[in-house]
Amino acid sequence: MGLFKRFLGQTRKPEGFFGKLMLNAMNQGHAALSDWGLSHIEGLSPLVIAELGCGGGRNARELLRRYPLSKLYAVDYSALAVCAPAPTISPPLCAGAAVC
């Protein structure tokens, strides 16, 4: 299997090195659309949030930033996706308010 095909195959269940690359690409590639969507739910104060199919975790981290008092459930088919390290975000998704 070629490298490009292996990389594209990571869209379903990211794993390993190519999975990390795909998660970063998802986070960057979907950021503008995600921010647009999140801009339509301002003014809410949710106690619990379910982020289903959280992919690279960017939206889950943004939801925690916007709603720090909420309990967030980030769910994905890929453990790498849910627990991807984010050195610029505190707390990491697998600690504190988030449940993996």
PDB file of N, CA and C in Angstrom:
ATOM      1  N   MET A   1       0.861  -1.184   0.000  1.00  0.00           N
ATOM      2  CA  MET A   1       0.000   0.000   0.000  1.00  0.00           C
ATOM      3  C   MET A   1       0.899   1.237   0.000  1.00  0.00           C
ATOM      4  N   GLY A   2       0.621   2.185  -0.873  1.00  0.00           N
ATOM      5  CA  GLY A   2       1.419   3.400  -0.957  1.00  0.00           C
ATOM      6  C   GLY A   2       1.202   4.305   0.243  1.00  0.00           C
ATOM      7  N   LEU A   3       2.139   5.203   0.446  1.00  0.00           N
ATOM      8  CA  LEU A   3       2.055   6.118   1.588  1.00  0.00           C
ATOM      9  C   LEU A   3       0.811   6.995   1.545  1.00  0.00           C
ATOM     10  N   PHE A   4       0.477   7.505   0.362  1.00  0.00           N
ATOM     11  CA  PHE A   4      -0.695   8.375   0.244  1.00  0.00           C
ATOM     12  C   PHE A   4      -1.974   7.607   0.571  1.00  0.00           C
ATOM     13  N   LYS A   5      -2.074   6.392   0.060  1.00  0.00           N
ATOM     14  CA  LYS A   5      -3.251   5.574   0.338  1.00  0.00           C
ATOM     15  C   LYS A   5      -3.320   5.215   1.819  1.00  0.00           C
ATOM     16  N   ARG A   6      -2.184   4.935   2.438  1.00  0.00           N
ATOM     17  CA  ARG A   6      -2.152   4.632   3.860  1.00  0.00           C
ATOM     18  C   ARG A   6      -2.601   5.851   4.676  1.00  0.00           C
ATOM     19  N   PHE A   7      -2.153   7.032   4.267  1.00  0.00           N
ATOM     20  CA  PHE A   7      -2.558   8.270   4.950  1.00  0.00           C
ATOM     21  C   PHE A   7      -4.065   8.480   4.838  1.00  0.00           C
ATOM     22  N   LEU A   8      -4.615   8.335   3.624  1.00  0.00           N
ATOM     23  CA  LEU A   8      -6.049   8.516   3.433  1.00  0.00           C
ATOM     24  C   LEU A   8      -6.868   7.468   4.178  1.00  0.00           C
ATOM     25  N   GLY A   9      -6.304   6.301   4.360  1.00  0.00           N
ATOM     26  CA  GLY A   9      -6.982   5.250   5.101  1.00  0.00           C
ATOM     27  C   GLY A   9      -7.154   5.579   6.581  1.00  0.00           C
ATOM     28  N   GLN A  10      -6.465   6.599   7.047  1.00  0.00           N
ATOM     29  CA  GLN A  10      -6.535   6.989   8.451  1.00  0.00           C
ATOM     30  C   GLN A  10      -7.773   7.822   8.779  1.00  0.00           C
ATOM     31  N   THR A  11      -8.575   8.160   7.786  1.00  0.00           N
ATOM     32  CA  THR A  11      -9.769   8.956   8.068  1.00  0.00           C
ATOM     33  C   THR A  11     -10.787   8.168   8.873  1.00  0.00           C
ATOM     34  N   ARG A  12     -10.802   6.869   8.738  1.00  0.00           N
ATOM     35  CA  ARG A  12     -11.789   6.037   9.434  1.00  0.00           C
ATOM     36  C   ARG A  12     -11.442   5.840  10.899  1.00  0.00           C
ATOM     37  N   LYS A  13     -10.251   5.365  11.169  1.00  0.00           N
ATOM     38  CA  LYS A  13      -9.810   5.101  12.544  1.00  0.00           C
ATOM     39  C   LYS A  13      -8.324   5.418  12.638  1.00  0.00           C
ATOM     40  N   PRO A  14      -7.990   6.671  12.952  1.00  0.00           N
ATOM     41  CA  PRO A  14      -6.591   7.071  13.007  1.00  0.00           C
ATOM     42  C   PRO A  14      -5.792   6.268  14.033  1.00  0.00           C
ATOM     43  N   GLU A  15      -4.644   5.771  13.590  1.00  0.00           N
ATOM     44  CA  GLU A  15      -3.734   5.026  14.453  1.00  0.00           C
ATOM     45  C   GLU A  15      -2.299   5.306  14.040  1.00  0.00           C
ATOM     46  N   GLY A  16      -1.393   5.287  14.996  1.00  0.00           N
ATOM     47  CA  GLY A  16       0.029   5.405  14.706  1.00  0.00           C
ATOM     48  C   GLY A  16       0.430   6.753  14.139  1.00  0.00           C
ATOM     49  N   PHE A  17       1.594   6.749  13.492  1.00  0.00           N
ATOM     50  CA  PHE A  17       2.176   7.984  12.950  1.00  0.00           C
ATOM     51  C   PHE A  17       1.258   8.652  11.927  1.00  0.00           C
ATOM     52  N   PHE A  18       0.756   7.867  10.967  1.00  0.00           N
ATOM     53  CA  PHE A  18      -0.113   8.444   9.935  1.00  0.00           C
ATOM     54  C   PHE A  18      -1.438   8.917  10.535  1.00  0.00           C
ATOM     55  N   GLY A  19      -1.883   8.252  11.579  1.00  0.00           N
ATOM     56  CA  GLY A  19      -3.094   8.682  12.279  1.00  0.00           C
ATOM     57  C   GLY A  19      -2.915  10.044  12.926  1.00  0.00           C
ATOM     58  N   LYS A  20      -1.747  10.268  13.535  1.00  0.00           N
ATOM     59  CA  LYS A  20      -1.465  11.575  14.141  1.00  0.00           C
ATOM     60  C   LYS A  20      -1.454  12.664  13.080  1.00  0.00           C
ATOM     61  N   LEU A  21      -0.864  12.361  11.931  1.00  0.00           N
ATOM     62  CA  LEU A  21      -0.866  13.335  10.834  1.00  0.00           C
ATOM     63  C   LEU A  21      -2.295  13.652  10.394  1.00  0.00           C
ATOM     64  N   MET A  22      -3.129  12.609  10.284  1.00  0.00           N
ATOM     65  CA  MET A  22      -4.510  12.807   9.851  1.00  0.00           C
ATOM     66  C   MET A  22      -5.284  13.635  10.875  1.00  0.00           C
ATOM     67  N   LEU A  23      -5.090  13.371  12.161  1.00  0.00           N
ATOM     68  CA  LEU A  23      -5.786  14.140  13.195  1.00  0.00           C
ATOM     69  C   LEU A  23      -5.407  15.613  13.130  1.00  0.00           C
ATOM     70  N   ASN A  24      -4.136  15.890  12.925  1.00  0.00           N
ATOM     71  CA  ASN A  24      -3.703  17.291  12.781  1.00  0.00           C
ATOM     72  C   ASN A  24      -4.338  17.929  11.551  1.00  0.00           C
ATOM     73  N   ALA A  25      -4.401  17.178  10.458  1.00  0.00           N
ATOM     74  CA  ALA A  25      -5.022  17.695   9.230  1.00  0.00           C
ATOM     75  C   ALA A  25      -6.509  17.950   9.446  1.00  0.00           C
ATOM     76  N   MET A  26      -7.176  17.048  10.165  1.00  0.00           N
ATOM     77  CA  MET A  26      -8.603  17.246  10.465  1.00  0.00           C
ATOM     78  C   MET A  26      -8.808  18.512  11.295  1.00  0.00           C
ATOM     79  N   ASN A  27      -8.000  18.672  12.323  1.00  0.00           N
ATOM     80  CA  ASN A  27      -8.141  19.844  13.191  1.00  0.00           C
ATOM     81  C   ASN A  27      -7.964  21.138  12.408  1.00  0.00           C
ATOM     82  N   GLN A  28      -6.947  21.199  11.566  1.00  0.00           N
ATOM     83  CA  GLN A  28      -6.688  22.417  10.799  1.00  0.00           C
ATOM     84  C   GLN A  28      -7.708  22.608   9.674  1.00  0.00           C
ATOM     85  N   GLY A  29      -8.016  21.533   8.964  1.00  0.00           N
ATOM     86  CA  GLY A  29      -8.900  21.631   7.813  1.00  0.00           C
ATOM     87  C   GLY A  29     -10.347  21.950   8.150  1.00  0.00           C
ATOM     88  N   HIS A  30     -10.786  21.554   9.329  1.00  0.00           N
ATOM     89  CA  HIS A  30     -12.176  21.770   9.712  1.00  0.00           C
ATOM     90  C   HIS A  30     -12.369  22.958  10.647  1.00  0.00           C
ATOM     91  N   ALA A  31     -11.311  23.642  11.002  1.00  0.00           N
ATOM     92  CA  ALA A  31     -11.378  24.704  12.017  1.00  0.00           C
ATOM     93  C   ALA A  31     -12.350  25.824  11.651  1.00  0.00           C
ATOM     94  N   ALA A  32     -12.282  26.332  10.458  1.00  0.00           N
ATOM     95  CA  ALA A  32     -13.145  27.462  10.083  1.00  0.00           C
ATOM     96  C   ALA A  32     -14.623  27.070  10.109  1.00  0.00           C
ATOM     97  N   LEU A  33     -14.944  25.903   9.578  1.00  0.00           N
ATOM     98  CA  LEU A  33     -16.329  25.448   9.588  1.00  0.00           C
ATOM     99  C   LEU A  33     -16.803  25.185  11.020  1.00  0.00           C
ATOM    100  N   SER A  34     -15.947  24.608  11.830  1.00  0.00           N
ATOM    101  CA  SER A  34     -16.299  24.341  13.231  1.00  0.00           C
ATOM    102  C   SER A  34     -16.566  25.630  13.990  1.00  0.00           C
ATOM    103  N   ASP A  35     -15.701  26.619  13.806  1.00  0.00           N
ATOM    104  CA  ASP A  35     -15.893  27.900  14.484  1.00  0.00           C
ATOM    105  C   ASP A  35     -17.192  28.566  14.040  1.00  0.00           C
ATOM    106  N   TRP A  36     -17.500  28.452  12.761  1.00  0.00           N
ATOM    107  CA  TRP A  36     -18.759  29.001  12.260  1.00  0.00           C
ATOM    108  C   TRP A  36     -19.931  28.316  12.951  1.00  0.00           C
ATOM    109  N   GLY A  37     -19.914  26.995  13.018  1.00  0.00           N
ATOM    110  CA  GLY A  37     -20.995  26.264  13.667  1.00  0.00           C
ATOM    111  C   GLY A  37     -21.122  26.601  15.142  1.00  0.00           C
ATOM    112  N   LEU A  38     -19.996  26.670  15.836  1.00  0.00           N
ATOM    113  CA  LEU A  38     -20.019  26.998  17.266  1.00  0.00           C
ATOM    114  C   LEU A  38     -20.505  28.422  17.513  1.00  0.00           C
ATOM    115  N   SER A  39     -20.324  29.305  16.544  1.00  0.00           N
ATOM    116  CA  SER A  39     -20.782  30.687  16.719  1.00  0.00           C
ATOM    117  C   SER A  39     -22.309  30.771  16.782  1.00  0.00           C
ATOM    118  N   HIS A  40     -22.992  29.738  16.324  1.00  0.00           N
ATOM    119  CA  HIS A  40     -24.453  29.720  16.340  1.00  0.00           C
ATOM    120  C   HIS A  40     -25.049  29.164  17.625  1.00  0.00           C
ATOM    121  N   ILE A  41     -24.202  28.763  18.565  1.00  0.00           N
ATOM    122  CA  ILE A  41     -24.723  28.247  19.838  1.00  0.00           C
ATOM    123  C   ILE A  41     -24.218  29.074  21.022  1.00  0.00           C
ATOM    124  N   GLU A  42     -23.834  30.314  20.772  1.00  0.00           N
ATOM    125  CA  GLU A  42     -23.385  31.187  21.844  1.00  0.00           C
ATOM    126  C   GLU A  42     -24.553  31.521  22.756  1.00  0.00           C
ATOM    127  N   GLY A  43     -24.255  31.792  24.009  1.00  0.00           N
ATOM    128  CA  GLY A  43     -25.282  32.153  24.969  1.00  0.00           C
ATOM    129  C   GLY A  43     -25.835  30.968  25.739  1.00  0.00           C
ATOM    130  N   LEU A  44     -25.343  29.776  25.448  1.00  0.00           N
ATOM    131  CA  LEU A  44     -25.776  28.594  26.176  1.00  0.00           C
ATOM    132  C   LEU A  44     -24.909  28.383  27.414  1.00  0.00           C
ATOM    133  N   SER A  45     -25.423  27.641  28.374  1.00  0.00           N
ATOM    134  CA  SER A  45     -24.657  27.258  29.563  1.00  0.00           C
ATOM    135  C   SER A  45     -24.907  25.784  29.852  1.00  0.00           C
ATOM    136  N   PRO A  46     -24.418  24.910  28.996  1.00  0.00           N
ATOM    137  CA  PRO A  46     -24.706  23.486  29.179  1.00  0.00           C
ATOM    138  C   PRO A  46     -23.965  22.898  30.376  1.00  0.00           C
ATOM    139  N   LEU A  47     -24.629  21.985  31.065  1.00  0.00           N
ATOM    140  CA  LEU A  47     -23.986  21.273  32.170  1.00  0.00           C
ATOM    141  C   LEU A  47     -23.200  20.076  31.651  1.00  0.00           C
ATOM    142  N   VAL A  48     -23.740  19.441  30.605  1.00  0.00           N
ATOM    143  CA  VAL A  48     -23.119  18.261  30.014  1.00  0.00           C
ATOM    144  C   VAL A  48     -23.097  18.434  28.499  1.00  0.00           C
ATOM    145  N   ILE A  49     -21.957  18.064  27.898  1.00  0.00           N
ATOM    146  CA  ILE A  49     -21.807  18.136  26.446  1.00  0.00           C
ATOM    147  C   ILE A  49     -21.324  16.777  25.955  1.00  0.00           C
ATOM    148  N   ALA A  50     -21.927  16.281  24.902  1.00  0.00           N
ATOM    149  CA  ALA A  50     -21.469  15.054  24.249  1.00  0.00           C
ATOM    150  C   ALA A  50     -20.895  15.438  22.891  1.00  0.00           C
ATOM    151  N   GLU A  51     -19.620  15.195  22.707  1.00  0.00           N
ATOM    152  CA  GLU A  51     -18.943  15.438  21.429  1.00  0.00           C
ATOM    153  C   GLU A  51     -18.728  14.070  20.804  1.00  0.00           C
ATOM    154  N   LEU A  52     -19.614  13.702  19.870  1.00  0.00           N
ATOM    155  CA  LEU A  52     -19.607  12.366  19.276  1.00  0.00           C
ATOM    156  C   LEU A  52     -18.838  12.383  17.965  1.00  0.00           C
ATOM    157  N   GLY A  53     -17.874  11.497  17.856  1.00  0.00           N
ATOM    158  CA  GLY A  53     -17.018  11.492  16.677  1.00  0.00           C
ATOM    159  C   GLY A  53     -16.052  12.658  16.730  1.00  0.00           C
ATOM    160  N   CYS A  54     -15.346  12.778  17.841  1.00  0.00           N
ATOM    161  CA  CYS A  54     -14.560  13.988  18.109  1.00  0.00           C
ATOM    162  C   CYS A  54     -13.305  14.122  17.263  1.00  0.00           C
ATOM    163  N   GLY A  55     -12.925  13.086  16.526  1.00  0.00           N
ATOM    164  CA  GLY A  55     -11.774  13.199  15.632  1.00  0.00           C
ATOM    165  C   GLY A  55     -10.534  13.686  16.340  1.00  0.00           C
ATOM    166  N   GLY A  56      -9.924  14.751  15.834  1.00  0.00           N
ATOM    167  CA  GLY A  56      -8.693  15.271  16.395  1.00  0.00           C
ATOM    168  C   GLY A  56      -8.848  16.001  17.715  1.00  0.00           C
ATOM    169  N   GLY A  57     -10.060  16.180  18.185  1.00  0.00           N
ATOM    170  CA  GLY A  57     -10.278  16.780  19.492  1.00  0.00           C
ATOM    171  C   GLY A  57     -10.332  18.290  19.522  1.00  0.00           C
ATOM    172  N   ARG A  58     -10.174  18.924  18.397  1.00  0.00           N
ATOM    173  CA  ARG A  58     -10.157  20.382  18.371  1.00  0.00           C
ATOM    174  C   ARG A  58     -11.484  20.968  18.853  1.00  0.00           C
ATOM    175  N   ASN A  59     -12.595  20.419  18.394  1.00  0.00           N
ATOM    176  CA  ASN A  59     -13.899  20.938  18.815  1.00  0.00           C
ATOM    177  C   ASN A  59     -14.150  20.661  20.287  1.00  0.00           C
ATOM    178  N   ALA A  60     -13.721  19.502  20.770  1.00  0.00           N
ATOM    179  CA  ALA A  60     -13.892  19.191  22.190  1.00  0.00           C
ATOM    180  C   ALA A  60     -13.115  20.187  23.051  1.00  0.00           C
ATOM    181  N   ARG A  61     -11.892  20.496  22.657  1.00  0.00           N
ATOM    182  CA  ARG A  61     -11.099  21.482  23.408  1.00  0.00           C
ATOM    183  C   ARG A  61     -11.735  22.867  23.334  1.00  0.00           C
ATOM    184  N   GLU A  62     -12.265  23.220  22.178  1.00  0.00           N
ATOM    185  CA  GLU A  62     -12.919  24.522  22.039  1.00  0.00           C
ATOM    186  C   GLU A  62     -14.179  24.587  22.898  1.00  0.00           C
ATOM    187  N   LEU A  63     -14.930  23.492  22.957  1.00  0.00           N
ATOM    188  CA  LEU A  63     -16.123  23.460  23.812  1.00  0.00           C
ATOM    189  C   LEU A  63     -15.741  23.604  25.284  1.00  0.00           C
ATOM    190  N   LEU A  64     -14.665  22.956  25.702  1.00  0.00           N
ATOM    191  CA  LEU A  64     -14.199  23.108  27.086  1.00  0.00           C
ATOM    192  C   LEU A  64     -13.756  24.544  27.360  1.00  0.00           C
ATOM    193  N   ARG A  65     -13.145  25.159  26.367  1.00  0.00           N
ATOM    194  CA  ARG A  65     -12.709  26.554  26.547  1.00  0.00           C
ATOM    195  C   ARG A  65     -13.921  27.474  26.679  1.00  0.00           C
ATOM    196  N   ARG A  66     -14.930  27.257  25.850  1.00  0.00           N
ATOM    197  CA  ARG A  66     -16.119  28.111  25.876  1.00  0.00           C
ATOM    198  C   ARG A  66     -17.027  27.837  27.068  1.00  0.00           C
ATOM    199  N   TYR A  67     -17.054  26.588  27.515  1.00  0.00           N
ATOM    200  CA  TYR A  67     -17.951  26.178  28.600  1.00  0.00           C
ATOM    201  C   TYR A  67     -17.147  25.441  29.674  1.00  0.00           C
ATOM    202  N   PRO A  68     -16.299  26.152  30.409  1.00  0.00           N
ATOM    203  CA  PRO A  68     -15.382  25.497  31.357  1.00  0.00           C
ATOM    204  C   PRO A  68     -16.077  24.791  32.521  1.00  0.00           C
ATOM    205  N   LEU A  69     -17.310  25.123  32.822  1.00  0.00           N
ATOM    206  CA  LEU A  69     -18.022  24.481  33.920  1.00  0.00           C
ATOM    207  C   LEU A  69     -18.782  23.235  33.483  1.00  0.00           C
ATOM    208  N   SER A  70     -18.772  22.945  32.201  1.00  0.00           N
ATOM    209  CA  SER A  70     -19.494  21.791  31.667  1.00  0.00           C
ATOM    210  C   SER A  70     -18.663  20.523  31.806  1.00  0.00           C
ATOM    211  N   LYS A  71     -19.357  19.411  31.890  1.00  0.00           N
ATOM    212  CA  LYS A  71     -18.697  18.106  31.823  1.00  0.00           C
ATOM    213  C   LYS A  71     -18.794  17.655  30.375  1.00  0.00           C
ATOM    214  N   LEU A  72     -17.650  17.322  29.789  1.00  0.00           N
ATOM    215  CA  LEU A  72     -17.588  16.967  28.378  1.00  0.00           C
ATOM    216  C   LEU A  72     -17.326  15.480  28.218  1.00  0.00           C
ATOM    217  N   TYR A  73     -18.125  14.829  27.381  1.00  0.00           N
ATOM    218  CA  TYR A  73     -17.894  13.445  26.991  1.00  0.00           C
ATOM    219  C   TYR A  73     -17.451  13.459  25.538  1.00  0.00           C
ATOM    220  N   ALA A  74     -16.170  13.172  25.296  1.00  0.00           N
ATOM    221  CA  ALA A  74     -15.624  13.121  23.943  1.00  0.00           C
ATOM    222  C   ALA A  74     -15.513  11.657  23.537  1.00  0.00           C
ATOM    223  N   VAL A  75     -16.212  11.276  22.472  1.00  0.00           N
ATOM    224  CA  VAL A  75     -16.271   9.883  22.058  1.00  0.00           C
ATOM    225  C   VAL A  75     -15.800   9.764  20.611  1.00  0.00           C
ATOM    226  N   ASP A  76     -14.963   8.785  20.370  1.00  0.00           N
ATOM    227  CA  ASP A  76     -14.532   8.501  19.009  1.00  0.00           C
ATOM    228  C   ASP A  76     -14.170   7.027  18.915  1.00  0.00           C
ATOM    229  N   TYR A  77     -14.242   6.489  17.735  1.00  0.00           N
ATOM    230  CA  TYR A  77     -13.895   5.106  17.449  1.00  0.00           C
ATOM    231  C   TYR A  77     -12.403   4.870  17.664  1.00  0.00           C
ATOM    232  N   SER A  78     -11.615   5.919  17.514  1.00  0.00           N
ATOM    233  CA  SER A  78     -10.166   5.834  17.647  1.00  0.00           C
ATOM    234  C   SER A  78      -9.717   6.378  19.000  1.00  0.00           C
ATOM    235  N   ALA A  79      -9.039   5.541  19.792  1.00  0.00           N
ATOM    236  CA  ALA A  79      -8.502   5.999  21.076  1.00  0.00           C
ATOM    237  C   ALA A  79      -7.479   7.103  20.856  1.00  0.00           C
ATOM    238  N   LEU A  80      -6.718   7.030  19.789  1.00  0.00           N
ATOM    239  CA  LEU A  80      -5.742   8.069  19.473  1.00  0.00           C
ATOM    240  C   LEU A  80      -6.433   9.416  19.287  1.00  0.00           C
ATOM    241  N   ALA A  81      -7.592   9.410  18.684  1.00  0.00           N
ATOM    242  CA  ALA A  81      -8.328  10.648  18.451  1.00  0.00           C
ATOM    243  C   ALA A  81      -8.776  11.282  19.761  1.00  0.00           C
ATOM    244  N   VAL A  82      -9.331  10.499  20.656  1.00  0.00           N
ATOM    245  CA  VAL A  82      -9.864  11.040  21.901  1.00  0.00           C
ATOM    246  C   VAL A  82      -8.754  11.519  22.818  1.00  0.00           C
ATOM    247  N   CYS A  83      -7.678  10.773  22.881  1.00  0.00           N
ATOM    248  CA  CYS A  83      -6.623  11.063  23.849  1.00  0.00           C
ATOM    249  C   CYS A  83      -5.389  11.706  23.219  1.00  0.00           C
ATOM    250  N   ALA A  84      -5.560  12.316  22.066  1.00  0.00           N
ATOM    251  CA  ALA A  84      -4.434  12.974  21.404  1.00  0.00           C
ATOM    252  C   ALA A  84      -3.882  14.077  22.295  1.00  0.00           C
ATOM    253  N   PRO A  85      -2.579  14.100  22.503  1.00  0.00           N
ATOM    254  CA  PRO A  85      -2.016  15.141  23.363  1.00  0.00           C
ATOM    255  C   PRO A  85      -2.134  16.517  22.732  1.00  0.00           C
ATOM    256  N   ALA A  86      -2.374  17.489  23.550  1.00  0.00           N
ATOM    257  CA  ALA A  86      -2.471  18.878  23.085  1.00  0.00           C
ATOM    258  C   ALA A  86      -1.682  19.750  24.050  1.00  0.00           C
ATOM    259  N   PRO A  87      -0.410  19.979  23.777  1.00  0.00           N
ATOM    260  CA  PRO A  87       0.433  20.709  24.727  1.00  0.00           C
ATOM    261  C   PRO A  87       0.002  22.146  24.975  1.00  0.00           C
ATOM    262  N   THR A  88      -0.759  22.734  24.062  1.00  0.00           N
ATOM    263  CA  THR A  88      -1.169  24.128  24.247  1.00  0.00           C
ATOM    264  C   THR A  88      -2.494  24.248  24.982  1.00  0.00           C
ATOM    265  N   ILE A  89      -3.162  23.131  25.233  1.00  0.00           N
ATOM    266  CA  ILE A  89      -4.465  23.154  25.883  1.00  0.00           C
ATOM    267  C   ILE A  89      -4.349  22.528  27.264  1.00  0.00           C
ATOM    268  N   SER A  90      -4.886  23.200  28.243  1.00  0.00           N
ATOM    269  CA  SER A  90      -4.905  22.659  29.590  1.00  0.00           C
ATOM    270  C   SER A  90      -6.316  22.794  30.120  1.00  0.00           C
ATOM    271  N   PRO A  91      -6.916  21.739  30.687  1.00  0.00           N
ATOM    272  CA  PRO A  91      -6.337  20.403  30.847  1.00  0.00           C
ATOM    273  C   PRO A  91      -6.426  19.612  29.557  1.00  0.00           C
ATOM    274  N   PRO A  92      -5.588  18.560  29.428  1.00  0.00           N
ATOM    275  CA  PRO A  92      -5.710  17.695  28.256  1.00  0.00           C
ATOM    276  C   PRO A  92      -7.065  16.996  28.269  1.00  0.00           C
ATOM    277  N   LEU A  93      -7.505  16.538  27.122  1.00  0.00           N
ATOM    278  CA  LEU A  93      -8.838  15.954  27.031  1.00  0.00           C
ATOM    279  C   LEU A  93      -9.028  14.752  27.938  1.00  0.00           C
ATOM    280  N   CYS A  94      -8.006  13.995  28.224  1.00  0.00           N
ATOM    281  CA  CYS A  94      -8.167  12.782  29.038  1.00  0.00           C
ATOM    282  C   CYS A  94      -8.000  13.045  30.522  1.00  0.00           C
ATOM    283  N   ALA A  95      -8.055  14.268  30.944  1.00  0.00           N
ATOM    284  CA  ALA A  95      -7.941  14.576  32.365  1.00  0.00           C
ATOM    285  C   ALA A  95      -8.970  15.625  32.726  1.00  0.00           C
ATOM    286  N   GLY A  96      -9.359  15.654  33.962  1.00  0.00           N
ATOM    287  CA  GLY A  96     -10.236  16.708  34.450  1.00  0.00           C
ATOM    288  C   GLY A  96     -11.657  16.598  33.938  1.00  0.00           C
ATOM    289  N   ALA A  97     -12.102  17.607  33.216  1.00  0.00           N
ATOM    290  CA  ALA A  97     -13.511  17.721  32.825  1.00  0.00           C
ATOM    291  C   ALA A  97     -13.921  16.722  31.754  1.00  0.00           C
ATOM    292  N   ALA A  98     -12.987  16.195  31.025  1.00  0.00           N
ATOM    293  CA  ALA A  98     -13.329  15.296  29.921  1.00  0.00           C
ATOM    294  C   ALA A  98     -13.244  13.848  30.365  1.00  0.00           C
ATOM    295  N   VAL A  99     -14.121  13.042  29.826  1.00  0.00           N
ATOM    296  CA  VAL A  99     -14.132  11.609  30.122  1.00  0.00           C
ATOM    297  C   VAL A  99     -13.928  10.866  28.826  1.00  0.00           C
ATOM    298  N   CYS A 100     -12.943   9.983  28.792  1.00  0.00           N
ATOM    299  CA  CYS A 100     -12.672   9.178  27.597  1.00  0.00           C
ATOM    300  C   CYS A 100     -13.325   7.828  27.749  1.00  0.00           C
TER     301      CYS A 100
END
